[in-house]
Structures are given as C-alpha cells and as structure tokens.
Amino acid sequence: MDMPQIDPKQRNILESAWAAFATYGFRKTSMDDIAKRAGMSRPAVYLHFKNKTAILKALIDAYYADTSEAVRSALTAEGPIESRILSAFEAQGGAAMEAMLSTPHGMETLEASLSTAADHIEAGEALLRAVYAEWLEEMDRAAAVRLPGPPAEVARAFCSAMKGVKHTSPDYAAYRAGVRQLALLVAAALVPR
C-alpha cells in the first residue's frame, strides 16, 4: 500500500501493520507482531499509535488520501474519456484491493475495517465522491460528457457500483474484470454521441 507523505517511522509502522494484517488477519495480529515487522520495540510503536485499531484507522485514512489523488490524476490525464474512467476505477482499487482479495486474511481485515472504522471509511468515500463529482462538473461544463443526473449523484453511483464489484468478486482477477466492465458501461453512458 502506498502511503502519502507522513512521518517515516509512522509510514514504516503502517506498512508493517498492513503486511501483518494481510498475513495473520486483524484479530490475530498483535502490536508485538507489528513492532517486530517494523524493526521497532513495542513501546516505540505505542509512541505513534495507541493500539492496532488506531493503526487500522490511520491505514484507511492513508489509503483514501492516496487513492483520491490517484483517481484525480487519472481523470485529469490526457486521453479519451473511456481510458480516463478505467484508469480512475483501477486506481480506486489498486494494490490495496489486490491485497484484500489475494491474501489469506485480506477480507477479514476489510470486515474489521467496516466494524471498527466506519466513520473513517465514510469520510474517505466522501472524498472519492467529491473528486468524481468535481471532474464530472468540469466535463459537463465543457460538454465533454452527457450526465444523466446531478454530478454528485452520478459520482455516488460510481462509488456504489465500485463497492458492488468489490463485494461480489471472489478473487482479484474477477474484481479487475468487473472494474473494466463497469468502466465500459459508465463511459458508454457518459460519452456524447
């Protein structure tokens, strides 16, 4: 998982925690496991995060900060609308989704995220919706897309559909195929004829 610009020690802890969660699952991972992977003492980890739930929340925040920037970059790149939408949807899943769907405990970590950090997930999803809505508004003003509703509602539909692909994919290959199909459908609906 890429981390936005944060303290290097905290970044090391978050990356180590992500690897431990993917390997052992959120529930079975201890602060000791995270500290060992980070090459730090457990008390040193506690100087940065009060517990593994705080680490999980920081991971979620880092994921959404990084992902919203990647989505924005994909949408504002040069190229056909279809390519930009596909790149944005792929950026929204990225390495984190691959790890969730390809590691033994990825989905358990996702479920733990939903139950312990729902407010952080909702804030992150709101950030993604805002990025999509801003782009849709700009493209609508330029008459580059044909919107079937208000930009904020279309953006909400994008994010809801991406969640649907994530929750119905048995593995990462199916997820990628679903994302590609969704991008084709969205582009077909948006590109003026």
N, C-alpha and C. Protein backbone atom coordinates (compact mmCIF):
# COMPACT_ATOMS: atom_id res chain seq x y z
N MET A 1 0.85 -1.17 0.00
CA MET A 1 0.00 0.00 0.00
C MET A 1 0.89 1.23 0.00
N ASP A 2 0.64 2.17 -0.93
CA ASP A 2 1.40 3.42 -0.95
C ASP A 2 0.91 4.30 0.19
N MET A 3 1.83 5.03 0.77
CA MET A 3 1.49 5.93 1.86
C MET A 3 1.75 7.37 1.41
N PRO A 4 0.82 8.27 1.69
CA PRO A 4 1.08 9.67 1.39
C PRO A 4 2.22 10.18 2.29
N GLN A 5 2.61 11.41 2.10
CA GLN A 5 3.70 11.98 2.88
C GLN A 5 3.35 12.02 4.36
N ILE A 6 3.92 11.11 5.13
CA ILE A 6 3.76 11.10 6.57
C ILE A 6 5.12 10.81 7.18
N ASP A 7 5.21 10.94 8.48
CA ASP A 7 6.45 10.67 9.20
C ASP A 7 6.98 9.30 8.79
N PRO A 8 8.28 9.19 8.47
CA PRO A 8 8.83 7.90 8.03
C PRO A 8 8.63 6.76 9.04
N LYS A 9 8.72 7.05 10.32
CA LYS A 9 8.50 6.00 11.32
C LYS A 9 7.05 5.53 11.30
N GLN A 10 6.14 6.48 11.19
CA GLN A 10 4.73 6.09 11.12
C GLN A 10 4.45 5.32 9.83
N ARG A 11 5.05 5.75 8.74
CA ARG A 11 4.88 5.03 7.47
C ARG A 11 5.37 3.59 7.61
N ASN A 12 6.51 3.40 8.25
CA ASN A 12 7.06 2.07 8.48
C ASN A 12 6.10 1.23 9.32
N ILE A 13 5.54 1.81 10.35
CA ILE A 13 4.59 1.10 11.21
C ILE A 13 3.35 0.71 10.40
N LEU A 14 2.83 1.64 9.61
CA LEU A 14 1.62 1.35 8.83
C LEU A 14 1.88 0.26 7.79
N GLU A 15 3.00 0.33 7.11
CA GLU A 15 3.32 -0.70 6.11
C GLU A 15 3.50 -2.06 6.78
N SER A 16 4.14 -2.05 7.95
CA SER A 16 4.34 -3.30 8.69
C SER A 16 3.01 -3.86 9.18
N ALA A 17 2.15 -2.99 9.64
CA ALA A 17 0.83 -3.42 10.11
C ALA A 17 0.02 -3.99 8.96
N TRP A 18 0.06 -3.33 7.80
CA TRP A 18 -0.68 -3.82 6.64
C TRP A 18 -0.21 -5.23 6.27
N ALA A 19 1.10 -5.44 6.27
CA ALA A 19 1.64 -6.76 5.95
C ALA A 19 1.21 -7.80 7.00
N ALA A 20 1.23 -7.41 8.25
CA ALA A 20 0.81 -8.33 9.31
C ALA A 20 -0.68 -8.64 9.22
N PHE A 21 -1.50 -7.62 8.99
CA PHE A 21 -2.95 -7.85 8.87
C PHE A 21 -3.25 -8.78 7.70
N ALA A 22 -2.55 -8.59 6.59
CA ALA A 22 -2.78 -9.43 5.41
C ALA A 22 -2.33 -10.87 5.68
N THR A 23 -1.29 -11.04 6.49
CA THR A 23 -0.75 -12.36 6.78
C THR A 23 -1.54 -13.10 7.85
N TYR A 24 -1.82 -12.40 8.95
CA TYR A 24 -2.44 -13.06 10.11
C TYR A 24 -3.90 -12.68 10.33
N GLY A 25 -4.36 -11.62 9.69
CA GLY A 25 -5.70 -11.10 9.95
C GLY A 25 -5.63 -10.04 11.04
N PHE A 26 -6.61 -9.18 11.04
CA PHE A 26 -6.62 -8.08 12.01
C PHE A 26 -6.72 -8.60 13.44
N ARG A 27 -7.64 -9.53 13.68
CA ARG A 27 -7.86 -10.01 15.05
C ARG A 27 -6.64 -10.71 15.64
N LYS A 28 -5.94 -11.49 14.84
CA LYS A 28 -4.80 -12.26 15.36
C LYS A 28 -3.50 -11.47 15.39
N THR A 29 -3.44 -10.36 14.71
CA THR A 29 -2.22 -9.55 14.71
C THR A 29 -2.11 -8.82 16.05
N SER A 30 -0.93 -8.89 16.64
CA SER A 30 -0.69 -8.17 17.90
C SER A 30 0.18 -6.95 17.63
N MET A 31 0.21 -6.06 18.59
CA MET A 31 1.11 -4.91 18.48
C MET A 31 2.56 -5.40 18.44
N ASP A 32 2.83 -6.51 19.08
CA ASP A 32 4.16 -7.11 19.05
C ASP A 32 4.52 -7.54 17.62
N ASP A 33 3.56 -8.17 16.92
CA ASP A 33 3.79 -8.57 15.52
C ASP A 33 4.14 -7.35 14.66
N ILE A 34 3.38 -6.27 14.86
CA ILE A 34 3.61 -5.06 14.09
C ILE A 34 4.98 -4.47 14.41
N ALA A 35 5.31 -4.41 15.69
CA ALA A 35 6.61 -3.87 16.11
C ALA A 35 7.77 -4.67 15.52
N LYS A 36 7.67 -5.99 15.57
CA LYS A 36 8.74 -6.84 15.02
C LYS A 36 8.92 -6.58 13.54
N ARG A 37 7.82 -6.53 12.80
CA ARG A 37 7.92 -6.28 11.36
C ARG A 37 8.50 -4.90 11.06
N ALA A 38 8.20 -3.94 11.94
CA ALA A 38 8.69 -2.57 11.75
C ALA A 38 10.13 -2.40 12.23
N GLY A 39 10.68 -3.43 12.89
CA GLY A 39 12.03 -3.33 13.42
C GLY A 39 12.11 -2.35 14.58
N MET A 40 11.02 -2.30 15.35
CA MET A 40 10.94 -1.38 16.49
C MET A 40 10.53 -2.15 17.73
N SER A 41 10.68 -1.52 18.87
CA SER A 41 10.16 -2.11 20.09
C SER A 41 8.66 -1.81 20.17
N ARG A 42 7.94 -2.63 20.92
CA ARG A 42 6.51 -2.39 21.08
C ARG A 42 6.25 -1.02 21.72
N PRO A 43 7.01 -0.61 22.76
CA PRO A 43 6.79 0.73 23.33
C PRO A 43 7.02 1.84 22.30
N ALA A 44 7.97 1.65 21.38
CA ALA A 44 8.20 2.66 20.35
C ALA A 44 6.99 2.79 19.42
N VAL A 45 6.35 1.66 19.10
CA VAL A 45 5.14 1.71 18.27
C VAL A 45 4.03 2.46 19.01
N TYR A 46 3.92 2.20 20.31
CA TYR A 46 2.90 2.87 21.12
C TYR A 46 3.12 4.38 21.20
N LEU A 47 4.32 4.85 20.97
CA LEU A 47 4.56 6.29 20.94
C LEU A 47 3.84 6.95 19.75
N HIS A 48 3.60 6.15 18.71
CA HIS A 48 2.96 6.68 17.50
C HIS A 48 1.47 6.35 17.42
N PHE A 49 1.09 5.19 17.91
CA PHE A 49 -0.31 4.74 17.82
C PHE A 49 -0.70 4.07 19.13
N LYS A 50 -1.90 4.38 19.62
CA LYS A 50 -2.28 3.84 20.93
C LYS A 50 -2.67 2.37 20.89
N ASN A 51 -3.09 1.86 19.71
CA ASN A 51 -3.44 0.45 19.59
C ASN A 51 -3.57 0.09 18.10
N LYS A 52 -3.87 -1.18 17.85
CA LYS A 52 -3.95 -1.59 16.44
C LYS A 52 -5.18 -1.02 15.74
N THR A 53 -6.22 -0.68 16.48
CA THR A 53 -7.38 -0.02 15.87
C THR A 53 -6.98 1.36 15.36
N ALA A 54 -6.19 2.08 16.13
CA ALA A 54 -5.70 3.39 15.67
C ALA A 54 -4.83 3.23 14.43
N ILE A 55 -4.06 2.16 14.38
CA ILE A 55 -3.23 1.88 13.20
C ILE A 55 -4.13 1.60 11.99
N LEU A 56 -5.15 0.78 12.20
CA LEU A 56 -6.08 0.47 11.11
C LEU A 56 -6.75 1.74 10.58
N LYS A 57 -7.17 2.61 11.48
CA LYS A 57 -7.80 3.87 11.06
C LYS A 57 -6.81 4.73 10.28
N ALA A 58 -5.56 4.77 10.73
CA ALA A 58 -4.54 5.54 10.00
C ALA A 58 -4.28 4.93 8.62
N LEU A 59 -4.31 3.61 8.52
CA LEU A 59 -4.17 2.95 7.22
C LEU A 59 -5.30 3.34 6.28
N ILE A 60 -6.51 3.35 6.81
CA ILE A 60 -7.68 3.72 6.00
C ILE A 60 -7.55 5.16 5.52
N ASP A 61 -7.17 6.06 6.42
CA ASP A 61 -7.01 7.46 6.04
C ASP A 61 -5.93 7.62 4.97
N ALA A 62 -4.81 6.90 5.15
CA ALA A 62 -3.72 6.97 4.17
C ALA A 62 -4.18 6.42 2.81
N TYR A 63 -4.92 5.31 2.85
CA TYR A 63 -5.43 4.72 1.61
C TYR A 63 -6.29 5.73 0.85
N TYR A 64 -7.24 6.34 1.54
CA TYR A 64 -8.15 7.26 0.85
C TYR A 64 -7.45 8.53 0.38
N ALA A 65 -6.49 9.03 1.14
CA ALA A 65 -5.74 10.22 0.70
C ALA A 65 -4.97 9.90 -0.58
N ASP A 66 -4.28 8.77 -0.58
CA ASP A 66 -3.51 8.36 -1.74
C ASP A 66 -4.42 8.05 -2.93
N THR A 67 -5.49 7.33 -2.67
CA THR A 67 -6.39 6.92 -3.74
C THR A 67 -7.11 8.10 -4.37
N SER A 68 -7.55 9.06 -3.57
CA SER A 68 -8.25 10.22 -4.15
C SER A 68 -7.32 10.99 -5.08
N GLU A 69 -6.05 11.09 -4.72
CA GLU A 69 -5.09 11.76 -5.60
C GLU A 69 -4.85 10.95 -6.88
N ALA A 70 -4.76 9.64 -6.74
CA ALA A 70 -4.57 8.79 -7.93
C ALA A 70 -5.78 8.86 -8.86
N VAL A 71 -6.98 8.88 -8.29
CA VAL A 71 -8.21 8.98 -9.09
C VAL A 71 -8.24 10.34 -9.79
N ARG A 72 -7.92 11.40 -9.07
CA ARG A 72 -7.91 12.75 -9.66
C ARG A 72 -6.92 12.81 -10.82
N SER A 73 -5.74 12.25 -10.63
CA SER A 73 -4.72 12.25 -11.70
C SER A 73 -5.19 11.48 -12.92
N ALA A 74 -5.84 10.34 -12.69
CA ALA A 74 -6.34 9.53 -13.81
C ALA A 74 -7.42 10.28 -14.58
N LEU A 75 -8.32 10.92 -13.87
CA LEU A 75 -9.42 11.63 -14.53
C LEU A 75 -8.95 12.85 -15.30
N THR A 76 -7.92 13.52 -14.82
CA THR A 76 -7.47 14.75 -15.47
C THR A 76 -6.34 14.53 -16.47
N ALA A 77 -5.96 13.28 -16.68
CA ALA A 77 -4.91 12.96 -17.66
C ALA A 77 -5.44 13.21 -19.07
N GLU A 78 -4.53 13.25 -20.00
CA GLU A 78 -4.92 13.35 -21.41
C GLU A 78 -5.44 12.00 -21.87
N GLY A 79 -6.29 12.03 -22.88
CA GLY A 79 -6.77 10.79 -23.45
C GLY A 79 -8.28 10.72 -23.49
N PRO A 80 -8.79 9.68 -24.12
CA PRO A 80 -10.23 9.53 -24.25
C PRO A 80 -10.90 9.32 -22.87
N ILE A 81 -12.14 9.74 -22.78
CA ILE A 81 -12.91 9.62 -21.54
C ILE A 81 -12.91 8.16 -21.05
N GLU A 82 -13.09 7.23 -21.98
CA GLU A 82 -13.14 5.80 -21.62
C GLU A 82 -11.88 5.38 -20.87
N SER A 83 -10.71 5.80 -21.39
CA SER A 83 -9.44 5.43 -20.76
C SER A 83 -9.29 6.09 -19.39
N ARG A 84 -9.73 7.32 -19.28
CA ARG A 84 -9.60 8.03 -18.01
C ARG A 84 -10.50 7.41 -16.94
N ILE A 85 -11.70 7.03 -17.32
CA ILE A 85 -12.60 6.39 -16.35
C ILE A 85 -12.04 5.04 -15.91
N LEU A 86 -11.57 4.24 -16.85
CA LEU A 86 -10.98 2.95 -16.49
C LEU A 86 -9.78 3.15 -15.57
N SER A 87 -8.91 4.10 -15.90
CA SER A 87 -7.73 4.35 -15.06
C SER A 87 -8.14 4.81 -13.66
N ALA A 88 -9.17 5.62 -13.57
CA ALA A 88 -9.65 6.10 -12.27
C ALA A 88 -10.22 4.94 -11.45
N PHE A 89 -11.02 4.10 -12.09
CA PHE A 89 -11.60 2.96 -11.37
C PHE A 89 -10.51 1.98 -10.93
N GLU A 90 -9.52 1.76 -11.80
CA GLU A 90 -8.41 0.89 -11.42
C GLU A 90 -7.61 1.49 -10.27
N ALA A 91 -7.42 2.80 -10.29
CA ALA A 91 -6.70 3.47 -9.21
C ALA A 91 -7.47 3.38 -7.90
N GLN A 92 -8.78 3.39 -7.99
CA GLN A 92 -9.60 3.31 -6.78
C GLN A 92 -9.40 1.98 -6.07
N GLY A 93 -9.18 0.91 -6.81
CA GLY A 93 -8.92 -0.39 -6.20
C GLY A 93 -7.45 -0.55 -5.88
N GLY A 94 -6.65 -0.52 -6.90
CA GLY A 94 -5.21 -0.56 -6.75
C GLY A 94 -4.65 -1.73 -5.96
N ALA A 95 -3.47 -1.49 -5.42
CA ALA A 95 -2.73 -2.53 -4.68
C ALA A 95 -3.47 -2.97 -3.42
N ALA A 96 -4.19 -2.04 -2.80
CA ALA A 96 -4.92 -2.41 -1.58
C ALA A 96 -5.99 -3.46 -1.88
N MET A 97 -6.69 -3.28 -2.97
CA MET A 97 -7.74 -4.25 -3.32
C MET A 97 -7.11 -5.57 -3.73
N GLU A 98 -6.00 -5.51 -4.43
CA GLU A 98 -5.31 -6.75 -4.79
C GLU A 98 -4.93 -7.52 -3.53
N ALA A 99 -4.39 -6.81 -2.54
CA ALA A 99 -4.00 -7.46 -1.29
C ALA A 99 -5.22 -8.01 -0.55
N MET A 100 -6.30 -7.25 -0.56
CA MET A 100 -7.52 -7.72 0.13
C MET A 100 -8.03 -9.02 -0.48
N LEU A 101 -8.00 -9.10 -1.79
CA LEU A 101 -8.59 -10.25 -2.47
C LEU A 101 -7.59 -11.38 -2.74
N SER A 102 -6.30 -11.12 -2.50
CA SER A 102 -5.29 -12.13 -2.83
C SER A 102 -4.52 -12.67 -1.63
N THR A 103 -4.79 -12.17 -0.44
CA THR A 103 -4.10 -12.66 0.75
C THR A 103 -5.07 -13.44 1.62
N PRO A 104 -4.55 -14.32 2.44
CA PRO A 104 -5.42 -15.18 3.25
C PRO A 104 -6.38 -14.42 4.17
N HIS A 105 -5.95 -13.26 4.65
CA HIS A 105 -6.78 -12.55 5.63
C HIS A 105 -7.20 -11.15 5.17
N GLY A 106 -7.12 -10.90 3.88
CA GLY A 106 -7.48 -9.59 3.36
C GLY A 106 -8.93 -9.23 3.61
N MET A 107 -9.83 -10.16 3.34
CA MET A 107 -11.25 -9.87 3.53
C MET A 107 -11.60 -9.74 5.01
N GLU A 108 -10.92 -10.49 5.87
CA GLU A 108 -11.17 -10.34 7.31
C GLU A 108 -10.73 -8.95 7.77
N THR A 109 -9.65 -8.44 7.20
CA THR A 109 -9.19 -7.09 7.54
C THR A 109 -10.19 -6.06 7.03
N LEU A 110 -10.74 -6.29 5.84
CA LEU A 110 -11.77 -5.40 5.32
C LEU A 110 -12.99 -5.39 6.25
N GLU A 111 -13.42 -6.56 6.69
CA GLU A 111 -14.57 -6.64 7.60
C GLU A 111 -14.27 -5.94 8.92
N ALA A 112 -13.04 -6.09 9.42
CA ALA A 112 -12.65 -5.40 10.65
C ALA A 112 -12.69 -3.89 10.44
N SER A 113 -12.28 -3.45 9.27
CA SER A 113 -12.32 -2.02 8.95
C SER A 113 -13.75 -1.50 9.00
N LEU A 114 -14.66 -2.26 8.43
CA LEU A 114 -16.06 -1.84 8.40
C LEU A 114 -16.65 -1.74 9.79
N SER A 115 -16.24 -2.65 10.68
CA SER A 115 -16.83 -2.65 12.01
C SER A 115 -16.14 -1.70 12.99
N THR A 116 -14.86 -1.40 12.78
CA THR A 116 -14.14 -0.57 13.75
C THR A 116 -13.84 0.84 13.26
N ALA A 117 -13.96 1.07 11.97
CA ALA A 117 -13.57 2.38 11.43
C ALA A 117 -14.55 2.89 10.38
N ALA A 118 -15.82 2.62 10.58
CA ALA A 118 -16.83 3.01 9.59
C ALA A 118 -16.81 4.52 9.31
N ASP A 119 -16.56 5.33 10.34
CA ASP A 119 -16.53 6.77 10.15
C ASP A 119 -15.35 7.19 9.26
N HIS A 120 -14.23 6.52 9.38
CA HIS A 120 -13.07 6.83 8.53
C HIS A 120 -13.33 6.39 7.09
N ILE A 121 -13.99 5.26 6.94
CA ILE A 121 -14.33 4.78 5.60
C ILE A 121 -15.32 5.74 4.94
N GLU A 122 -16.32 6.17 5.68
CA GLU A 122 -17.31 7.10 5.12
C GLU A 122 -16.67 8.42 4.72
N ALA A 123 -15.75 8.93 5.54
CA ALA A 123 -15.05 10.17 5.18
C ALA A 123 -14.22 9.97 3.92
N GLY A 124 -13.57 8.82 3.81
CA GLY A 124 -12.79 8.52 2.61
C GLY A 124 -13.66 8.38 1.38
N GLU A 125 -14.79 7.71 1.53
CA GLU A 125 -15.72 7.56 0.40
C GLU A 125 -16.26 8.92 -0.03
N ALA A 126 -16.52 9.80 0.93
CA ALA A 126 -16.99 11.15 0.61
C ALA A 126 -15.93 11.90 -0.18
N LEU A 127 -14.67 11.71 0.19
CA LEU A 127 -13.56 12.33 -0.54
C LEU A 127 -13.53 11.84 -1.99
N LEU A 128 -13.66 10.52 -2.19
CA LEU A 128 -13.68 9.98 -3.55
C LEU A 128 -14.87 10.51 -4.35
N ARG A 129 -16.06 10.53 -3.72
CA ARG A 129 -17.24 11.06 -4.42
C ARG A 129 -17.02 12.50 -4.84
N ALA A 130 -16.38 13.29 -3.98
CA ALA A 130 -16.12 14.70 -4.31
C ALA A 130 -15.17 14.83 -5.50
N VAL A 131 -14.16 13.96 -5.57
CA VAL A 131 -13.23 14.00 -6.70
C VAL A 131 -13.97 13.69 -8.00
N TYR A 132 -14.79 12.63 -7.98
CA TYR A 132 -15.56 12.29 -9.18
C TYR A 132 -16.54 13.40 -9.54
N ALA A 133 -17.24 13.95 -8.55
CA ALA A 133 -18.25 14.99 -8.81
C ALA A 133 -17.61 16.24 -9.41
N GLU A 134 -16.46 16.63 -8.88
CA GLU A 134 -15.76 17.81 -9.40
C GLU A 134 -15.38 17.60 -10.86
N TRP A 135 -14.85 16.42 -11.17
CA TRP A 135 -14.47 16.12 -12.55
C TRP A 135 -15.70 16.10 -13.47
N LEU A 136 -16.76 15.46 -13.01
CA LEU A 136 -17.99 15.40 -13.81
C LEU A 136 -18.54 16.79 -14.09
N GLU A 137 -18.50 17.65 -13.08
CA GLU A 137 -18.97 19.02 -13.27
C GLU A 137 -18.15 19.74 -14.34
N GLU A 138 -16.83 19.61 -14.26
CA GLU A 138 -15.96 20.24 -15.25
C GLU A 138 -16.22 19.68 -16.65
N MET A 139 -16.36 18.37 -16.74
CA MET A 139 -16.58 17.76 -18.05
C MET A 139 -17.96 18.14 -18.60
N ASP A 140 -18.93 18.29 -17.73
CA ASP A 140 -20.27 18.70 -18.16
C ASP A 140 -20.24 20.14 -18.69
N ARG A 141 -19.54 21.02 -17.97
CA ARG A 141 -19.42 22.42 -18.42
C ARG A 141 -18.75 22.49 -19.79
N ALA A 142 -17.80 21.59 -20.04
CA ALA A 142 -17.09 21.57 -21.32
C ALA A 142 -17.86 20.79 -22.39
N ALA A 143 -19.03 20.27 -22.04
CA ALA A 143 -19.86 19.46 -22.93
C ALA A 143 -19.12 18.21 -23.42
N ALA A 144 -18.20 17.70 -22.59
CA ALA A 144 -17.44 16.50 -22.94
C ALA A 144 -18.15 15.23 -22.49
N VAL A 145 -19.12 15.37 -21.60
CA VAL A 145 -19.92 14.23 -21.15
C VAL A 145 -21.39 14.62 -21.14
N ARG A 146 -22.21 13.60 -21.12
CA ARG A 146 -23.66 13.80 -21.03
C ARG A 146 -24.08 13.15 -19.71
N LEU A 147 -24.46 13.97 -18.74
CA LEU A 147 -24.80 13.46 -17.41
C LEU A 147 -26.27 13.07 -17.31
N PRO A 148 -26.56 11.91 -16.75
CA PRO A 148 -27.95 11.50 -16.57
C PRO A 148 -28.57 12.05 -15.28
N GLY A 149 -27.80 12.84 -14.54
CA GLY A 149 -28.27 13.42 -13.28
C GLY A 149 -27.25 14.39 -12.75
N PRO A 150 -27.48 14.92 -11.56
CA PRO A 150 -26.52 15.85 -10.96
C PRO A 150 -25.16 15.17 -10.74
N PRO A 151 -24.07 15.91 -10.91
CA PRO A 151 -22.73 15.32 -10.76
C PRO A 151 -22.54 14.56 -9.44
N ALA A 152 -23.04 15.11 -8.35
CA ALA A 152 -22.86 14.44 -7.05
C ALA A 152 -23.57 13.08 -7.03
N GLU A 153 -24.73 12.99 -7.65
CA GLU A 153 -25.46 11.71 -7.68
C GLU A 153 -24.80 10.70 -8.62
N VAL A 154 -24.29 11.18 -9.73
CA VAL A 154 -23.58 10.29 -10.65
C VAL A 154 -22.31 9.78 -9.97
N ALA A 155 -21.61 10.66 -9.26
CA ALA A 155 -20.41 10.25 -8.53
C ALA A 155 -20.75 9.22 -7.46
N ARG A 156 -21.86 9.41 -6.77
CA ARG A 156 -22.30 8.45 -5.75
C ARG A 156 -22.58 7.09 -6.39
N ALA A 157 -23.17 7.11 -7.58
CA ALA A 157 -23.45 5.86 -8.30
C ALA A 157 -22.15 5.16 -8.68
N PHE A 158 -21.13 5.93 -9.12
CA PHE A 158 -19.83 5.33 -9.43
C PHE A 158 -19.30 4.56 -8.23
N CYS A 159 -19.26 5.24 -7.09
CA CYS A 159 -18.67 4.64 -5.89
C CYS A 159 -19.49 3.46 -5.38
N SER A 160 -20.80 3.56 -5.48
CA SER A 160 -21.66 2.44 -5.07
C SER A 160 -21.43 1.23 -5.96
N ALA A 161 -21.32 1.48 -7.26
CA ALA A 161 -21.09 0.38 -8.19
C ALA A 161 -19.72 -0.26 -7.95
N MET A 162 -18.71 0.55 -7.64
CA MET A 162 -17.39 0.00 -7.35
C MET A 162 -17.44 -0.86 -6.09
N LYS A 163 -18.20 -0.46 -5.09
CA LYS A 163 -18.37 -1.29 -3.89
C LYS A 163 -19.03 -2.61 -4.25
N GLY A 164 -20.01 -2.54 -5.13
CA GLY A 164 -20.69 -3.77 -5.56
C GLY A 164 -19.74 -4.73 -6.24
N VAL A 165 -18.87 -4.20 -7.10
CA VAL A 165 -17.88 -5.05 -7.76
C VAL A 165 -16.96 -5.68 -6.71
N LYS A 166 -16.52 -4.88 -5.74
CA LYS A 166 -15.62 -5.38 -4.70
C LYS A 166 -16.28 -6.49 -3.88
N HIS A 167 -17.50 -6.28 -3.48
CA HIS A 167 -18.15 -7.24 -2.57
C HIS A 167 -18.67 -8.50 -3.27
N THR A 168 -18.69 -8.50 -4.59
CA THR A 168 -19.18 -9.68 -5.30
C THR A 168 -18.07 -10.42 -6.05
N SER A 169 -16.83 -9.97 -5.89
CA SER A 169 -15.72 -10.60 -6.60
C SER A 169 -15.06 -11.66 -5.72
N PRO A 170 -14.99 -12.88 -6.23
CA PRO A 170 -14.37 -13.95 -5.43
C PRO A 170 -12.85 -13.86 -5.37
N ASP A 171 -12.25 -13.15 -6.34
CA ASP A 171 -10.80 -13.00 -6.35
C ASP A 171 -10.43 -11.75 -7.13
N TYR A 172 -9.13 -11.45 -7.16
CA TYR A 172 -8.68 -10.21 -7.77
C TYR A 172 -8.91 -10.20 -9.29
N ALA A 173 -8.76 -11.32 -9.95
CA ALA A 173 -8.99 -11.37 -11.41
C ALA A 173 -10.45 -11.01 -11.72
N ALA A 174 -11.37 -11.54 -10.94
CA ALA A 174 -12.79 -11.23 -11.14
C ALA A 174 -13.06 -9.75 -10.84
N TYR A 175 -12.39 -9.24 -9.82
CA TYR A 175 -12.54 -7.82 -9.47
C TYR A 175 -12.08 -6.94 -10.64
N ARG A 176 -10.89 -7.23 -11.18
CA ARG A 176 -10.38 -6.43 -12.30
C ARG A 176 -11.31 -6.50 -13.52
N ALA A 177 -11.83 -7.69 -13.79
CA ALA A 177 -12.76 -7.83 -14.92
C ALA A 177 -14.03 -7.03 -14.66
N GLY A 178 -14.52 -7.05 -13.43
CA GLY A 178 -15.71 -6.27 -13.08
C GLY A 178 -15.48 -4.78 -13.19
N VAL A 179 -14.31 -4.33 -12.76
CA VAL A 179 -13.98 -2.90 -12.85
C VAL A 179 -13.92 -2.48 -14.31
N ARG A 180 -13.30 -3.31 -15.14
CA ARG A 180 -13.21 -2.99 -16.58
C ARG A 180 -14.61 -2.92 -17.21
N GLN A 181 -15.46 -3.88 -16.88
CA GLN A 181 -16.83 -3.88 -17.43
C GLN A 181 -17.60 -2.66 -16.96
N LEU A 182 -17.47 -2.31 -15.67
CA LEU A 182 -18.15 -1.13 -15.15
C LEU A 182 -17.66 0.13 -15.85
N ALA A 183 -16.36 0.25 -16.05
CA ALA A 183 -15.82 1.42 -16.73
C ALA A 183 -16.36 1.55 -18.15
N LEU A 184 -16.47 0.42 -18.85
CA LEU A 184 -17.03 0.46 -20.21
C LEU A 184 -18.49 0.92 -20.20
N LEU A 185 -19.26 0.42 -19.23
CA LEU A 185 -20.67 0.82 -19.13
C LEU A 185 -20.80 2.30 -18.81
N VAL A 186 -20.02 2.76 -17.85
CA VAL A 186 -20.07 4.17 -17.45
C VAL A 186 -19.67 5.06 -18.61
N ALA A 187 -18.59 4.71 -19.29
CA ALA A 187 -18.14 5.53 -20.42
C ALA A 187 -19.18 5.57 -21.52
N ALA A 188 -19.79 4.42 -21.80
CA ALA A 188 -20.83 4.39 -22.84
C ALA A 188 -22.00 5.29 -22.49
N ALA A 189 -22.32 5.36 -21.20
CA ALA A 189 -23.43 6.20 -20.77
C ALA A 189 -23.08 7.69 -20.77
N LEU A 190 -21.82 8.02 -20.54
CA LEU A 190 -21.43 9.43 -20.40
C LEU A 190 -20.98 10.11 -21.69
N VAL A 191 -20.34 9.35 -22.58
CA VAL A 191 -19.76 9.97 -23.78
C VAL A 191 -20.88 10.37 -24.74
N PRO A 192 -20.94 11.65 -25.09
CA PRO A 192 -21.98 12.10 -26.03
C PRO A 192 -21.85 11.41 -27.38
N ARG A 193 -22.99 11.16 -27.98
CA ARG A 193 -22.97 10.50 -29.31
C ARG A 193 -23.19 11.51 -30.39
